[in-house]
C-alpha atoms as a PDB file:
ATOM      1  CA  MET A   1      45.786  47.461 109.004  1.00  0.00           C
ATOM      2  CA  GLU A   2      48.076  44.561 108.377  1.00  0.00           C
ATOM      3  CA  ALA A   3      51.050  44.550 106.056  1.00  0.00           C
ATOM      4  CA  THR A   4      50.489  42.773 102.783  1.00  0.00           C
ATOM      5  CA  ASP A   5      52.916  40.813 100.655  1.00  0.00           C
ATOM      6  CA  GLN A   6      52.522  43.169  97.738  1.00  0.00           C
ATOM      7  CA  GLN A   7      55.497  45.259  96.743  1.00  0.00           C
ATOM      8  CA  PRO A   8      55.076  48.914  95.818  1.00  0.00           C
ATOM      9  CA  ALA A   9      55.001  49.820  92.133  1.00  0.00           C
ATOM     10  CA  ALA A  10      58.280  51.710  92.438  1.00  0.00           C
ATOM     11  CA  PRO A  11      60.828  51.914  95.236  1.00  0.00           C
ATOM     12  CA  ARG A  12      60.882  55.152  97.149  1.00  0.00           C
ATOM     13  CA  ASN A  13      64.568  55.920  96.610  1.00  0.00           C
ATOM     14  CA  THR A  14      65.223  56.047  92.871  1.00  0.00           C
ATOM     15  CA  TRP A  15      68.108  58.529  92.925  1.00  0.00           C
ATOM     16  CA  GLY A  16      70.681  55.779  92.613  1.00  0.00           C
ATOM     17  CA  GLY A  17      68.956  54.501  89.491  1.00  0.00           C
ATOM     18  CA  VAL A  18      68.624  57.970  88.019  1.00  0.00           C
ATOM     19  CA  LEU A  19      72.303  58.761  88.644  1.00  0.00           C
ATOM     20  CA  THR A  20      73.310  55.425  87.110  1.00  0.00           C
ATOM     21  CA  ALA A  21      71.204  56.169  84.042  1.00  0.00           C
ATOM     22  CA  LEU A  22      72.549  59.694  83.629  1.00  0.00           C
ATOM     23  CA  ILE A  23      76.180  58.638  83.992  1.00  0.00           C
ATOM     24  CA  THR A  24      75.912  55.613  81.732  1.00  0.00           C
ATOM     25  CA  ASP A  25      74.065  57.605  79.067  1.00  0.00           C
ATOM     26  CA  LEU A  26      77.227  59.663  78.603  1.00  0.00           C
ATOM     27  CA  VAL A  27      79.424  56.656  77.751  1.00  0.00           C
ATOM     28  CA  PRO A  28      78.688  56.322  73.984  1.00  0.00           C
ATOM     29  CA  VAL A  29      78.586  60.081  73.338  1.00  0.00           C
ATOM     30  CA  PRO A  30      82.325  60.582  72.571  1.00  0.00           C
ATOM     31  CA  PHE A  31      82.328  57.571  70.264  1.00  0.00           C
ATOM     32  CA  LEU A  32      79.282  58.867  68.394  1.00  0.00           C
ATOM     33  CA  TYR A  33      80.909  62.286  68.150  1.00  0.00           C
ATOM     34  CA  PHE A  34      84.036  60.882  66.511  1.00  0.00           C
ATOM     35  CA  ALA A  35      81.948  58.661  64.239  1.00  0.00           C
ATOM     36  CA  TYR A  36      79.914  61.593  62.911  1.00  0.00           C
ATOM     37  CA  ALA A  37      82.404  64.479  63.201  1.00  0.00           C
ATOM     38  CA  LEU A  38      85.169  62.938  61.075  1.00  0.00           C
ATOM     39  CA  PRO A  39      83.551  62.045  57.751  1.00  0.00           C
ATOM     40  CA  PRO A  40      85.800  60.509  55.089  1.00  0.00           C
ATOM     41  CA  ASP A  41      86.608  62.603  52.025  1.00  0.00           C
ATOM     42  CA  GLY A  42      85.803  59.689  49.755  1.00  0.00           C
ATOM     43  CA  PRO A  43      86.343  55.963  49.264  1.00  0.00           C
ATOM     44  CA  TRP A  44      90.114  56.555  49.027  1.00  0.00           C
ATOM     45  CA  ASP A  45      90.287  58.036  52.552  1.00  0.00           C
ATOM     46  CA  ARG A  46      90.788  54.690  54.289  1.00  0.00           C
ATOM     47  CA  GLN A  47      92.108  56.160  57.546  1.00  0.00           C
ATOM     48  CA  ALA A  48      88.976  58.243  58.125  1.00  0.00           C
ATOM     49  CA  ILE A  49      86.813  55.265  57.181  1.00  0.00           C
ATOM     50  CA  TYR A  50      88.629  53.085  59.711  1.00  0.00           C
ATOM     51  CA  VAL A  51      88.219  55.736  62.410  1.00  0.00           C
ATOM     52  CA  ASP A  52      84.496  56.027  61.656  1.00  0.00           C
ATOM     53  CA  GLN A  53      84.045  52.254  61.695  1.00  0.00           C
ATOM     54  CA  MET A  54      86.009  51.849  64.907  1.00  0.00           C
ATOM     55  CA  SER A  55      84.175  54.708  66.641  1.00  0.00           C
ATOM     56  CA  SER A  56      80.827  53.343  65.489  1.00  0.00           C
ATOM     57  CA  TRP A  57      81.746  49.869  66.680  1.00  0.00           C
ATOM     58  CA  PHE A  58      82.747  51.202  70.124  1.00  0.00           C
ATOM     59  CA  ALA A  59      79.509  53.203  70.279  1.00  0.00           C
ATOM     60  CA  ILE A  60      77.507  50.056  69.453  1.00  0.00           C
ATOM     61  CA  TRP A  61      79.185  48.108  72.247  1.00  0.00           C
ATOM     62  CA  ALA A  62      78.901  50.991  74.709  1.00  0.00           C
ATOM     63  CA  SER A  63      75.187  51.321  73.932  1.00  0.00           C
ATOM     64  CA  VAL A  64      74.622  47.609  74.430  1.00  0.00           C
ATOM     65  CA  VAL A  65      76.587  47.680  77.683  1.00  0.00           C
ATOM     66  CA  ILE A  66      74.522  50.577  79.057  1.00  0.00           C
ATOM     67  CA  LEU A  67      71.276  48.911  78.004  1.00  0.00           C
ATOM     68  CA  VAL A  68      72.004  46.038  80.401  1.00  0.00           C
ATOM     69  CA  PRO A  69      72.031  47.985  83.708  1.00  0.00           C
ATOM     70  CA  GLN A  70      69.292  50.343  82.577  1.00  0.00           C
ATOM     71  CA  GLY A  71      67.165  47.428  81.395  1.00  0.00           C
ATOM     72  CA  LEU A  72      67.704  45.742  84.748  1.00  0.00           C
ATOM     73  CA  LEU A  73      66.741  48.921  86.596  1.00  0.00           C
ATOM     74  CA  ALA A  74      63.630  49.248  84.435  1.00  0.00           C
ATOM     75  CA  TRP A  75      62.766  45.593  85.023  1.00  0.00           C
ATOM     76  CA  LEU A  76      63.112  46.120  88.785  1.00  0.00           C
ATOM     77  CA  ARG A  77      60.900  49.212  88.422  1.00  0.00           C
ATOM     78  CA  ILE A  78      63.558  51.534  89.767  1.00  0.00           C
ATOM     79  CA  LEU A  79      63.511  53.393  86.449  1.00  0.00           C
ATOM     80  CA  ARG A  80      60.654  53.739  84.035  1.00  0.00           C
ATOM     81  CA  LEU A  81      60.801  52.496  80.459  1.00  0.00           C
ATOM     82  CA  PRO A  82      61.312  55.969  78.885  1.00  0.00           C
ATOM     83  CA  TRP A  83      64.823  55.954  80.389  1.00  0.00           C
ATOM     84  CA  LEU A  84      65.692  53.284  77.808  1.00  0.00           C
ATOM     85  CA  VAL A  85      65.090  55.705  74.940  1.00  0.00           C
ATOM     86  CA  VAL A  86      68.568  57.281  75.144  1.00  0.00           C
ATOM     87  CA  PRO A  87      70.612  54.052  74.954  1.00  0.00           C
ATOM     88  CA  ILE A  88      68.357  52.685  72.212  1.00  0.00           C
ATOM     89  CA  ALA A  89      68.709  55.931  70.232  1.00  0.00           C
ATOM     90  CA  CYS A  90      72.505  55.821  70.667  1.00  0.00           C
ATOM     91  CA  LEU A  91      72.516  52.213  69.516  1.00  0.00           C
ATOM     92  CA  LEU A  92      70.465  53.019  66.415  1.00  0.00           C
ATOM     93  CA  LEU A  93      72.652  56.028  65.567  1.00  0.00           C
ATOM     94  CA  ALA A  94      75.806  53.945  65.927  1.00  0.00           C
ATOM     95  CA  ILE A  95      74.450  51.082  63.807  1.00  0.00           C
ATOM     96  CA  GLY A  96      73.304  53.559  61.160  1.00  0.00           C
ATOM     97  CA  ARG A  97      76.716  55.206  61.014  1.00  0.00           C
ATOM     98  CA  TYR A  98      78.538  51.884  60.912  1.00  0.00           C
ATOM     99  CA  LEU A  99      76.405  50.683  58.003  1.00  0.00           C
ATOM    100  CA  SER A 100      76.663  53.974  56.112  1.00  0.00           C
ATOM    101  CA  VAL A 101      80.475  54.135  56.267  1.00  0.00           C
ATOM    102  CA  ARG A 102      81.081  50.626  54.952  1.00  0.00           C
END
């Protein structure tokens, strides 16, 4: 049998991609925690509102930043598409919190 020019559907060694996904999925978690754990007492509690907005904003950026390498790994077929669920869920939670605190 001769070798063909076709590439396999997925590389054999995906541990690097899995470790990258697991580590990067933890990045927005502390920001989401602070965004949801410190609710303002009311519209007069500007400091808590600022903390929630800032934490939500950092969680949005962290989620977008982790979508880039995971999207690249999914595009290269090192990871499968379900691995993108966690960063997308973090992004949606952060956007929802940012819009609800305003």
